[in-house]
Amino acid sequence: MNYRGALFLALFLGLASTATMILGQDSSQSALLRAVPASTDCPINIRAQLRGSGEARPVGQARTDGNGQKLHIALTNLKSVGIVGAEISVHGFTTRGRLSPAQASQAVASEITKKINLALKVNGKEDASTDIWLGGFASVSLIELDSVRYTDRSTWHSSSQKTCHVGLDSPMLISSR
């Protein structure tokens, strides 16, 4: 067998074995693409966009220098009762280098979660927005609504039956709104 034939045979066998491994895998175990879970009984609409530049309001005593992400968060109150605050959990990855596991069920050490208290006042059936700084985040993968506080002192909390998740909208904002 000549050199060309041997190279072709090796390439063919390599592709065939790769295709066999891929077809034999359970597609639910893919670590490359993770979908945002469906929301159920969400009391508000949430939109989140990355900001490329502009001013961001620090959360607590957080600093806006160094590596991180700026997010523009917009809330739409679906009820007639006003909102006085909300708590969200932002999930993403740290700025440290990382290796992704082959199985989606394996934990990733570089995943990060930050709870943020949004002290926004949103009148009934209206919108409000704010910019936040997420120091140490290289990327944001998911935002969860944990709780909402209303002007009538009632609250909404997430549970197994009531969930509210959102991914990032595109495109990235490059200036102030």
Protein backbone atom coordinates (compact mmCIF):
# COMPACT_ATOMS: atom_id res chain seq x y z
CA MET A 1 0.00 0.00 0.00
CA ASN A 2 1.39 3.39 -0.90
CA TYR A 3 1.75 6.34 1.48
CA ARG A 4 -1.35 8.07 0.14
CA GLY A 5 -3.52 5.01 0.60
CA ALA A 6 -2.29 4.48 4.17
CA LEU A 7 -3.01 8.11 5.03
CA PHE A 8 -6.52 7.86 3.56
CA LEU A 9 -7.22 4.64 5.49
CA ALA A 10 -6.01 6.17 8.78
CA LEU A 11 -8.15 9.26 8.23
CA PHE A 12 -11.21 7.16 7.36
CA LEU A 13 -10.82 4.94 10.44
CA GLY A 14 -10.31 7.96 12.70
CA LEU A 15 -13.48 9.67 11.43
CA ALA A 16 -15.47 6.45 11.63
CA SER A 17 -14.46 5.83 15.26
CA THR A 18 -15.24 9.44 16.21
CA ALA A 19 -18.69 9.21 14.58
CA THR A 20 -19.36 5.93 16.41
CA MET A 21 -18.46 7.50 19.77
CA ILE A 22 -20.67 10.54 19.12
CA LEU A 23 -23.68 8.48 17.99
CA GLY A 24 -23.31 6.17 20.98
CA GLN A 25 -23.47 9.03 23.50
CA ASP A 26 -26.58 10.15 25.31
CA SER A 27 -27.35 13.59 23.82
CA SER A 28 -28.60 14.85 27.21
CA GLN A 29 -25.03 14.62 28.53
CA SER A 30 -23.63 17.30 26.22
CA ALA A 31 -21.55 19.86 28.11
CA LEU A 32 -21.22 22.18 25.13
CA LEU A 33 -24.69 23.70 25.16
CA ARG A 34 -26.80 24.36 28.22
CA ALA A 35 -30.28 25.74 27.67
CA VAL A 36 -31.93 28.22 30.04
CA PRO A 37 -34.55 26.31 32.06
CA ALA A 38 -38.19 27.14 31.41
CA SER A 39 -39.82 29.62 33.81
CA THR A 40 -43.11 28.86 35.55
CA ASP A 41 -45.36 31.45 37.23
CA CYS A 42 -42.85 34.31 36.93
CA PRO A 43 -44.33 37.56 38.41
CA ILE A 44 -42.13 39.93 36.39
CA ASN A 45 -40.38 40.06 33.03
CA ILE A 46 -36.60 40.32 33.24
CA ARG A 47 -34.22 41.30 30.45
CA ALA A 48 -30.46 41.29 30.82
CA GLN A 49 -27.87 42.63 28.39
CA LEU A 50 -24.11 42.92 28.57
CA ARG A 51 -22.77 46.48 28.53
CA GLY A 52 -19.62 47.19 26.62
CA SER A 53 -18.98 50.60 28.18
CA GLY A 54 -20.65 53.35 30.15
CA GLU A 55 -21.31 53.84 33.81
CA ALA A 56 -22.29 50.99 36.12
CA ARG A 57 -23.65 51.26 39.62
CA PRO A 58 -21.58 49.14 42.07
CA VAL A 59 -23.49 46.59 44.12
CA GLY A 60 -22.81 47.23 47.81
CA GLN A 61 -19.14 48.08 48.25
CA ALA A 62 -18.07 46.28 45.04
CA ARG A 63 -15.47 48.04 42.87
CA THR A 64 -15.89 48.42 39.12
CA ASP A 65 -12.23 48.02 38.20
CA GLY A 66 -10.52 44.77 37.25
CA ASN A 67 -12.05 41.89 35.33
CA GLY A 68 -15.79 41.49 35.32
CA GLN A 69 -19.03 42.04 33.45
CA LYS A 70 -21.39 45.01 33.31
CA LEU A 71 -25.05 44.06 32.99
CA HIS A 72 -28.08 46.15 32.13
CA ILE A 73 -31.08 44.64 33.96
CA ALA A 74 -34.61 45.70 32.98
CA LEU A 75 -37.70 44.64 34.95
CA THR A 76 -41.33 44.84 33.84
CA ASN A 77 -43.88 44.63 36.64
CA LEU A 78 -46.77 42.45 35.46
CA LYS A 79 -48.96 43.22 38.50
CA SER A 80 -50.83 46.38 39.46
CA VAL A 81 -49.05 46.44 42.87
CA GLY A 82 -45.71 48.28 42.91
CA ILE A 83 -42.35 46.55 43.46
CA VAL A 84 -39.92 47.86 46.11
CA GLY A 85 -37.11 45.37 45.52
CA ALA A 86 -36.03 42.04 44.06
CA GLU A 87 -33.23 39.55 44.65
CA ILE A 88 -31.55 37.76 41.76
CA SER A 89 -28.82 35.12 41.48
CA VAL A 90 -26.40 35.56 38.60
CA HIS A 91 -24.60 32.41 37.42
CA GLY A 92 -21.52 32.37 35.22
CA PHE A 93 -17.84 31.56 35.03
CA THR A 94 -14.87 33.15 36.77
CA THR A 95 -12.05 34.95 35.02
CA ARG A 96 -9.66 32.12 35.91
CA GLY A 97 -8.76 29.61 33.23
CA ARG A 98 -10.80 26.42 33.17
CA LEU A 99 -11.21 23.03 31.57
CA SER A 100 -14.71 21.86 30.67
CA PRO A 101 -15.62 18.33 31.78
CA ALA A 102 -16.65 15.78 29.16
CA GLN A 103 -19.83 14.95 31.07
CA ALA A 104 -22.34 17.71 31.85
CA SER A 105 -23.10 16.13 35.23
CA GLN A 106 -19.57 16.82 36.51
CA ALA A 107 -19.06 19.97 38.56
CA VAL A 108 -17.02 22.80 37.08
CA ALA A 109 -14.76 24.51 39.63
CA SER A 110 -14.79 27.81 37.74
CA GLU A 111 -18.57 28.28 37.97
CA ILE A 112 -19.57 31.29 40.08
CA THR A 113 -22.87 32.54 41.54
CA LYS A 114 -23.57 35.94 43.03
CA LYS A 115 -26.76 37.02 44.83
CA ILE A 116 -27.73 40.64 44.16
CA ASN A 117 -30.36 42.73 45.91
CA LEU A 118 -31.95 45.10 43.38
CA ALA A 119 -33.34 48.09 45.29
CA LEU A 120 -35.57 49.14 42.38
CA LYS A 121 -38.95 50.77 42.71
CA VAL A 122 -41.24 49.73 39.88
CA ASN A 123 -44.82 51.00 39.78
CA GLY A 124 -47.58 48.59 38.80
CA LYS A 125 -47.58 47.65 35.09
CA GLU A 126 -44.40 49.72 34.48
CA ASP A 127 -40.70 49.20 33.70
CA ALA A 128 -37.46 50.07 35.48
CA SER A 129 -33.82 49.26 34.85
CA THR A 130 -30.39 49.44 36.43
CA ASP A 131 -26.79 48.64 35.57
CA ILE A 132 -24.76 46.31 37.79
CA TRP A 133 -21.09 45.31 37.97
CA LEU A 134 -20.13 41.66 38.41
CA GLY A 135 -16.49 41.59 39.47
CA GLY A 136 -14.69 38.33 38.75
CA PHE A 137 -17.20 37.18 36.09
CA ALA A 138 -15.75 36.28 32.68
CA SER A 139 -19.21 35.37 31.37
CA VAL A 140 -22.82 35.19 32.53
CA SER A 141 -24.82 32.05 31.75
CA LEU A 142 -28.08 32.40 33.69
CA ILE A 143 -30.00 34.84 35.88
CA GLU A 144 -32.56 33.55 38.37
CA LEU A 145 -35.22 35.59 40.15
CA ASP A 146 -35.12 34.57 43.83
CA SER A 147 -37.69 36.94 45.35
CA VAL A 148 -39.79 40.07 44.77
CA ARG A 149 -41.00 42.50 47.45
CA TYR A 150 -44.15 44.52 46.80
CA THR A 151 -45.45 47.84 48.16
CA ASP A 152 -48.34 46.06 49.90
CA ARG A 153 -45.71 44.07 51.89
CA SER A 154 -46.44 40.83 50.05
CA THR A 155 -43.55 38.80 48.61
CA TRP A 156 -42.95 36.26 45.87
CA HIS A 157 -40.28 33.58 46.38
CA SER A 158 -39.05 31.01 43.89
CA SER A 159 -39.84 27.39 44.63
CA SER A 160 -40.00 24.10 42.76
CA GLN A 161 -43.39 25.17 41.31
CA LYS A 162 -42.55 28.86 40.79
CA THR A 163 -39.36 29.62 38.88
CA CYS A 164 -38.07 32.52 36.85
CA HIS A 165 -34.90 32.20 34.72
CA VAL A 166 -33.48 34.32 31.96
CA GLY A 167 -30.40 34.24 29.73
CA LEU A 168 -28.69 37.24 28.19
CA ASP A 169 -30.28 39.15 25.34
CA SER A 170 -28.24 40.07 22.30
CA PRO A 171 -26.68 42.34 21.14
CA MET A 172 -24.17 43.82 23.58
CA LEU A 173 -24.92 47.44 24.51
CA ILE A 174 -22.05 49.77 23.62
CA SER A 175 -23.32 53.02 25.11
CA SER A 176 -25.77 54.38 27.67
CA ARG A 177 -29.49 54.09 27.00
